[in-house]
Amino acid sequence: DVSAMLMIVPNSWVFFCSLFFFFFQAEDGIRDLVRSRGLGDVYKRQDLIIGGGVMEGTTLTLAGPYGVGKSSLALYMATEAQKMSRKVIYFDSEFALKPALLKTIPGLNLKELSVIRSSYAEETLDIMENYVKSGEKLFIILDSVASLLMKKESESEHEQETMMGVAKLMSKALRKMTGPCDKTCSKLLFLNQ
């Protein structure tokens, strides 16, 4: 299992703007430097930054503060996945995915995009695991890990400690999904803050 993390550091707008420039303004000759095995994420320029794109059977985490464009970047990646005949499933645990945002992503096939909203982390991860074990080539996006709410947490008093619950649940779910994800060459993208 190969995992990667692209972190957008708070208060580093110069870094983020330079990444944006690199993605969209760099010369086309850079495309020749990119390895061909990766998902052609966002004009191939992103592939160079994250070491060849999201490789088959892998997990990638995009982390950064609120409002820097993680969801938009994930949707651009979804567009590329659709071009490669992958089924795209978008888990919206923030309940923040708006139709207006979807319409701004050029080439995104909304009819082929499955958006799933579930109330609890357990339910979200169970559905995700079922998709991964289905045997299809998938591109799965979870937006966002930080907003996952455990059923136990929602029913408990505020004083009770439930901080480690989501971390343990995510760890267990990833262990269960790693093998099937690798066999089907599926890709998992987790957005986090």
Protein backbone atom coordinates (compact mmCIF):
# COMPACT_ATOMS: atom_id res chain seq x y z
CA ASP A 1 0.00 0.00 0.00
CA VAL A 2 1.38 3.33 -1.03
CA SER A 3 -0.04 6.32 0.80
CA ALA A 4 0.72 9.96 0.25
CA MET A 5 -0.25 13.26 1.79
CA LEU A 6 -0.35 16.64 0.10
CA MET A 7 -0.64 19.20 2.84
CA ILE A 8 -1.58 22.79 2.24
CA VAL A 9 0.04 24.55 5.18
CA PRO A 10 -1.97 27.36 6.84
CA ASN A 11 -0.67 30.89 6.23
CA SER A 12 1.34 29.79 3.21
CA TRP A 13 -0.56 31.52 0.44
CA VAL A 14 2.67 32.07 -1.48
CA PHE A 15 3.23 28.30 -1.53
CA PHE A 16 -0.37 27.61 -2.52
CA CYS A 17 -0.37 30.29 -5.21
CA SER A 18 2.87 28.93 -6.62
CA LEU A 19 1.31 25.45 -6.72
CA PHE A 20 -1.71 26.92 -8.51
CA PHE A 21 0.60 28.64 -11.00
CA PHE A 22 2.48 25.38 -11.49
CA PHE A 23 -0.75 23.43 -12.08
CA PHE A 24 -2.25 25.77 -14.61
CA GLN A 25 0.48 28.01 -16.03
CA ALA A 26 3.66 25.93 -16.27
CA GLU A 27 4.96 25.08 -19.71
CA ASP A 28 3.55 22.01 -21.44
CA GLY A 29 7.04 20.48 -21.64
CA ILE A 30 6.65 19.46 -17.99
CA ARG A 31 4.15 16.81 -19.08
CA ASP A 32 7.03 14.80 -20.54
CA LEU A 33 8.53 14.39 -17.08
CA VAL A 34 5.45 12.67 -15.65
CA ARG A 35 5.25 8.93 -15.19
CA SER A 36 2.42 7.33 -17.17
CA ARG A 37 1.02 4.93 -14.53
CA GLY A 38 -0.77 7.58 -12.46
CA LEU A 39 -4.27 8.93 -12.80
CA GLY A 40 -4.00 12.00 -15.05
CA ASP A 41 -4.96 14.35 -12.26
CA VAL A 42 -5.50 17.97 -13.26
CA TYR A 43 -3.60 18.49 -16.48
CA LYS A 44 -0.68 16.21 -15.48
CA ARG A 45 1.06 19.05 -13.64
CA GLN A 46 -0.22 17.85 -10.31
CA ASP A 47 1.19 14.42 -11.12
CA LEU A 48 4.70 15.81 -11.02
CA ILE A 49 4.12 17.46 -7.64
CA ILE A 50 2.70 14.35 -5.96
CA GLY A 51 5.17 11.97 -7.54
CA GLY A 52 3.32 10.56 -10.52
CA GLY A 53 -0.30 11.12 -9.61
CA VAL A 54 -2.54 8.88 -7.56
CA MET A 55 -1.14 5.45 -8.32
CA GLU A 56 -3.46 2.50 -8.75
CA GLY A 57 -4.58 0.85 -5.52
CA THR A 58 -3.49 3.73 -3.30
CA THR A 59 -4.78 6.17 -0.73
CA LEU A 60 -4.10 9.90 -0.84
CA THR A 61 -4.93 12.48 1.81
CA LEU A 62 -5.33 16.15 0.93
CA ALA A 63 -5.07 18.23 4.08
CA GLY A 64 -5.35 21.95 4.58
CA PRO A 65 -7.41 24.70 6.18
CA TYR A 66 -11.00 25.44 5.29
CA GLY A 67 -11.57 27.18 1.96
CA VAL A 68 -8.27 26.52 0.16
CA GLY A 69 -9.82 24.40 -2.59
CA LYS A 70 -9.48 20.78 -1.47
CA SER A 71 -12.99 19.88 -2.66
CA SER A 72 -12.48 21.64 -6.00
CA LEU A 73 -9.18 19.85 -6.53
CA ALA A 74 -10.85 16.54 -5.67
CA LEU A 75 -13.56 17.23 -8.26
CA TYR A 76 -10.94 17.99 -10.92
CA MET A 77 -9.34 14.67 -10.05
CA ALA A 78 -12.79 13.04 -10.34
CA THR A 79 -13.11 14.47 -13.86
CA GLU A 80 -9.83 12.83 -14.83
CA ALA A 81 -10.96 9.55 -13.25
CA GLN A 82 -14.18 9.66 -15.28
CA LYS A 83 -12.15 10.16 -18.45
CA MET A 84 -10.38 6.91 -17.58
CA SER A 85 -13.76 5.10 -17.24
CA ARG A 86 -13.63 4.91 -13.47
CA LYS A 87 -16.75 5.08 -11.38
CA VAL A 88 -16.52 8.09 -9.04
CA ILE A 89 -18.16 8.02 -5.62
CA TYR A 90 -18.13 11.22 -3.54
CA PHE A 91 -18.91 10.83 0.17
CA ASP A 92 -20.05 14.25 1.39
CA SER A 93 -19.87 13.96 5.18
CA GLU A 94 -19.80 17.76 5.50
CA PHE A 95 -23.12 18.07 3.64
CA ALA A 96 -21.48 21.00 1.85
CA LEU A 97 -21.25 19.88 -1.78
CA LYS A 98 -23.30 22.40 -3.78
CA PRO A 99 -24.64 21.99 -7.32
CA ALA A 100 -23.16 25.41 -8.15
CA LEU A 101 -19.66 24.09 -7.40
CA LEU A 102 -20.24 20.96 -9.47
CA LYS A 103 -21.24 23.04 -12.50
CA THR A 104 -17.97 25.01 -12.38
CA ILE A 105 -15.81 21.93 -12.95
CA PRO A 106 -15.29 21.56 -16.71
CA GLY A 107 -15.76 18.03 -18.01
CA LEU A 108 -17.32 16.61 -14.84
CA ASN A 109 -20.12 14.22 -15.82
CA LEU A 110 -22.75 14.82 -13.13
CA LYS A 111 -24.87 11.87 -14.30
CA GLU A 112 -21.95 9.52 -13.60
CA LEU A 113 -21.03 11.05 -10.23
CA SER A 114 -22.47 9.25 -7.20
CA VAL A 115 -22.82 11.54 -4.19
CA ILE A 116 -23.47 9.81 -0.88
CA ARG A 117 -24.44 11.56 2.33
CA SER A 118 -24.74 9.49 5.47
CA SER A 119 -25.33 10.54 9.04
CA TYR A 120 -22.63 8.61 10.85
CA ALA A 121 -18.98 7.65 10.32
CA GLU A 122 -19.74 3.94 10.78
CA GLU A 123 -22.35 4.03 8.01
CA THR A 124 -20.07 6.03 5.68
CA LEU A 125 -17.14 3.66 6.10
CA ASP A 126 -19.36 0.55 5.74
CA ILE A 127 -20.77 1.85 2.45
CA MET A 128 -17.25 2.76 1.27
CA GLU A 129 -15.98 -0.71 2.17
CA ASN A 130 -18.84 -2.33 0.21
CA TYR A 131 -17.97 -0.26 -2.85
CA VAL A 132 -14.27 -1.16 -2.60
CA LYS A 133 -15.09 -4.86 -2.26
CA SER A 134 -17.47 -4.73 -5.27
CA GLY A 135 -14.60 -5.42 -7.67
CA GLU A 136 -15.10 -2.27 -9.78
CA LYS A 137 -12.33 0.19 -10.64
CA LEU A 138 -13.29 3.14 -8.47
CA PHE A 139 -12.20 6.60 -7.49
CA ILE A 140 -13.63 7.31 -4.03
CA ILE A 141 -13.52 10.71 -2.35
CA LEU A 142 -14.32 11.25 1.34
CA ASP A 143 -14.98 14.92 2.10
CA SER A 144 -14.05 15.26 4.92
CA VAL A 145 -12.51 13.03 7.57
CA ALA A 146 -12.72 15.91 10.08
CA SER A 147 -16.51 16.04 9.82
CA LEU A 148 -17.14 12.33 10.40
CA LEU A 149 -19.42 11.89 13.40
CA MET A 150 -19.66 8.60 15.25
CA LYS A 151 -23.09 7.48 16.34
CA LYS A 152 -21.81 7.03 19.90
CA GLU A 153 -20.49 10.60 19.86
CA SER A 154 -23.79 12.08 18.70
CA GLU A 155 -25.70 10.30 21.46
CA SER A 156 -23.23 11.03 24.28
CA GLU A 157 -22.96 13.95 26.62
CA HIS A 158 -20.46 16.66 25.69
CA GLU A 159 -18.25 15.78 28.65
CA GLN A 160 -17.59 12.24 27.45
CA GLU A 161 -14.31 11.65 25.64
CA THR A 162 -14.85 10.31 22.11
CA MET A 163 -11.90 11.92 20.33
CA MET A 164 -10.07 8.71 19.42
CA GLY A 165 -13.20 6.96 18.15
CA VAL A 166 -13.04 8.23 14.56
CA ALA A 167 -9.29 7.62 14.38
CA LYS A 168 -9.70 4.00 15.50
CA LEU A 169 -12.62 3.50 13.12
CA MET A 170 -10.68 4.97 10.18
CA SER A 171 -7.64 2.83 10.98
CA LYS A 172 -9.74 -0.35 11.06
CA ALA A 173 -11.59 0.57 7.85
CA LEU A 174 -8.36 1.31 5.98
CA ARG A 175 -6.89 -2.04 7.00
CA LYS A 176 -10.01 -3.75 5.64
CA MET A 177 -10.00 -1.77 2.36
CA THR A 178 -6.30 -1.84 1.49
CA GLY A 179 -6.26 -5.34 -0.02
CA PRO A 180 -9.44 -5.06 -2.14
CA CYS A 181 -8.43 -1.54 -3.21
CA ASP A 182 -5.09 -2.83 -4.48
CA LYS A 183 -6.69 -5.81 -6.30
CA THR A 184 -9.16 -3.61 -8.19
CA CYS A 185 -6.71 -0.73 -8.70
CA SER A 186 -9.17 1.59 -6.97
CA LYS A 187 -8.05 4.94 -5.58
CA LEU A 188 -9.14 6.51 -2.30
CA LEU A 189 -8.90 10.24 -1.67
CA PHE A 190 -9.48 11.57 1.84
CA LEU A 191 -9.88 15.30 2.45
CA ASN A 192 -9.00 16.54 5.92
CA GLN A 193 -8.45 19.79 7.78
